[in-house]
Amino acid sequence: MQLTDPAVTAACAGHPETGSAVRVRLVRADVPTASVEFELAA
C-alpha cells in the first residue's frame, strides 16, 4: 500500500488489487520504530 501525502509505503491486510485505489484503516502506528499497519476498510 502506498500513500502519496504524506509519503508512506506499508503492508495492507487483505488483498487489494495491485494499482487500485482503495480505502484503508490505520490499525497500528509505532512512532519509535517508524512502522504502520493498515487494513482494507469495509
N, C-alpha and C. Protein backbone atom coordinates (compact mmCIF):
# COMPACT_ATOMS: atom_id res chain seq x y z
N MET A 1 0.84 -1.14 0.00
CA MET A 1 0.00 0.00 0.00
C MET A 1 0.89 1.21 0.00
N GLN A 2 0.48 2.28 -0.71
CA GLN A 2 1.29 3.49 -0.77
C GLN A 2 0.39 4.71 -0.69
N LEU A 3 0.72 5.57 0.26
CA LEU A 3 0.04 6.86 0.38
C LEU A 3 0.90 7.90 -0.32
N THR A 4 0.27 8.91 -0.89
CA THR A 4 1.05 9.93 -1.58
C THR A 4 1.32 11.16 -0.73
N ASP A 5 0.45 11.48 0.21
CA ASP A 5 0.67 12.68 1.03
C ASP A 5 0.12 12.46 2.43
N PRO A 6 0.92 12.21 3.41
CA PRO A 6 2.39 12.14 3.36
C PRO A 6 2.84 10.83 2.72
N ALA A 7 4.06 10.81 2.22
CA ALA A 7 4.60 9.63 1.54
C ALA A 7 4.79 8.49 2.54
N VAL A 8 4.04 7.40 2.33
CA VAL A 8 4.11 6.23 3.21
C VAL A 8 3.98 4.98 2.34
N THR A 9 4.83 4.01 2.58
CA THR A 9 4.70 2.70 1.95
C THR A 9 4.59 1.67 3.07
N ALA A 10 3.55 0.83 3.03
CA ALA A 10 3.33 -0.13 4.11
C ALA A 10 2.53 -1.31 3.60
N ALA A 11 2.56 -2.39 4.38
CA ALA A 11 1.75 -3.56 4.06
C ALA A 11 0.28 -3.26 4.40
N CYS A 12 -0.61 -3.97 3.74
CA CYS A 12 -2.04 -3.80 3.99
C CYS A 12 -2.67 -5.17 4.12
N ALA A 13 -3.34 -5.43 5.26
CA ALA A 13 -4.04 -6.70 5.45
C ALA A 13 -5.21 -6.75 4.47
N GLY A 14 -5.43 -7.90 3.89
CA GLY A 14 -6.47 -8.06 2.88
C GLY A 14 -5.79 -8.28 1.54
N HIS A 15 -6.54 -8.21 0.48
CA HIS A 15 -5.97 -8.49 -0.84
C HIS A 15 -6.40 -7.43 -1.85
N PRO A 16 -5.90 -6.19 -1.69
CA PRO A 16 -6.25 -5.17 -2.68
C PRO A 16 -5.60 -5.49 -4.02
N GLU A 17 -6.28 -5.15 -5.10
CA GLU A 17 -5.74 -5.37 -6.44
C GLU A 17 -4.59 -4.40 -6.67
N THR A 18 -3.49 -4.88 -7.18
CA THR A 18 -2.32 -4.05 -7.44
C THR A 18 -2.68 -2.87 -8.33
N GLY A 19 -2.29 -1.68 -7.90
CA GLY A 19 -2.53 -0.46 -8.67
C GLY A 19 -3.90 0.15 -8.49
N SER A 20 -4.75 -0.45 -7.67
CA SER A 20 -6.10 0.08 -7.49
C SER A 20 -6.14 1.08 -6.33
N ALA A 21 -7.08 2.00 -6.39
CA ALA A 21 -7.30 2.95 -5.30
C ALA A 21 -8.29 2.32 -4.33
N VAL A 22 -7.92 2.26 -3.06
CA VAL A 22 -8.78 1.62 -2.05
C VAL A 22 -8.83 2.49 -0.80
N ARG A 23 -9.83 2.25 0.03
CA ARG A 23 -9.92 2.90 1.34
C ARG A 23 -9.32 1.94 2.36
N VAL A 24 -8.49 2.49 3.24
CA VAL A 24 -7.86 1.67 4.27
C VAL A 24 -8.08 2.29 5.63
N ARG A 25 -7.87 1.48 6.66
CA ARG A 25 -7.98 1.91 8.05
C ARG A 25 -6.62 1.70 8.70
N LEU A 26 -6.16 2.70 9.44
CA LEU A 26 -4.91 2.57 10.18
C LEU A 26 -5.15 1.66 11.37
N VAL A 27 -4.40 0.57 11.48
CA VAL A 27 -4.54 -0.40 12.56
C VAL A 27 -3.55 -0.10 13.68
N ARG A 28 -2.32 0.27 13.30
CA ARG A 28 -1.28 0.49 14.29
C ARG A 28 -0.27 1.48 13.75
N ALA A 29 0.18 2.38 14.62
CA ALA A 29 1.27 3.31 14.30
C ALA A 29 2.24 3.28 15.47
N ASP A 30 3.48 2.96 15.19
CA ASP A 30 4.51 2.88 16.22
C ASP A 30 5.59 3.90 15.90
N VAL A 31 5.57 5.02 16.61
CA VAL A 31 6.50 6.12 16.35
C VAL A 31 7.95 5.70 16.57
N PRO A 32 8.29 5.04 17.69
CA PRO A 32 9.71 4.69 17.92
C PRO A 32 10.33 3.84 16.81
N THR A 33 9.53 2.95 16.19
CA THR A 33 10.07 2.10 15.12
C THR A 33 9.70 2.61 13.72
N ALA A 34 8.96 3.71 13.67
CA ALA A 34 8.50 4.30 12.41
C ALA A 34 7.79 3.28 11.53
N SER A 35 6.90 2.48 12.15
CA SER A 35 6.16 1.47 11.40
C SER A 35 4.66 1.69 11.54
N VAL A 36 3.94 1.29 10.50
CA VAL A 36 2.48 1.40 10.49
C VAL A 36 1.89 0.14 9.89
N GLU A 37 0.64 -0.15 10.24
CA GLU A 37 -0.10 -1.27 9.66
C GLU A 37 -1.48 -0.78 9.26
N PHE A 38 -1.93 -1.22 8.09
CA PHE A 38 -3.24 -0.84 7.58
C PHE A 38 -4.04 -2.09 7.26
N GLU A 39 -5.38 -1.91 7.15
CA GLU A 39 -6.26 -2.97 6.67
C GLU A 39 -7.27 -2.33 5.73
N LEU A 40 -7.82 -3.13 4.84
CA LEU A 40 -8.85 -2.61 3.94
C LEU A 40 -10.07 -2.18 4.73
N ALA A 41 -10.62 -1.03 4.42
CA ALA A 41 -11.84 -0.56 5.08
C ALA A 41 -13.04 -1.17 4.39
N ALA A 42 -14.06 -1.47 5.15
CA ALA A 42 -15.28 -2.08 4.59
C ALA A 42 -16.11 -1.07 3.85
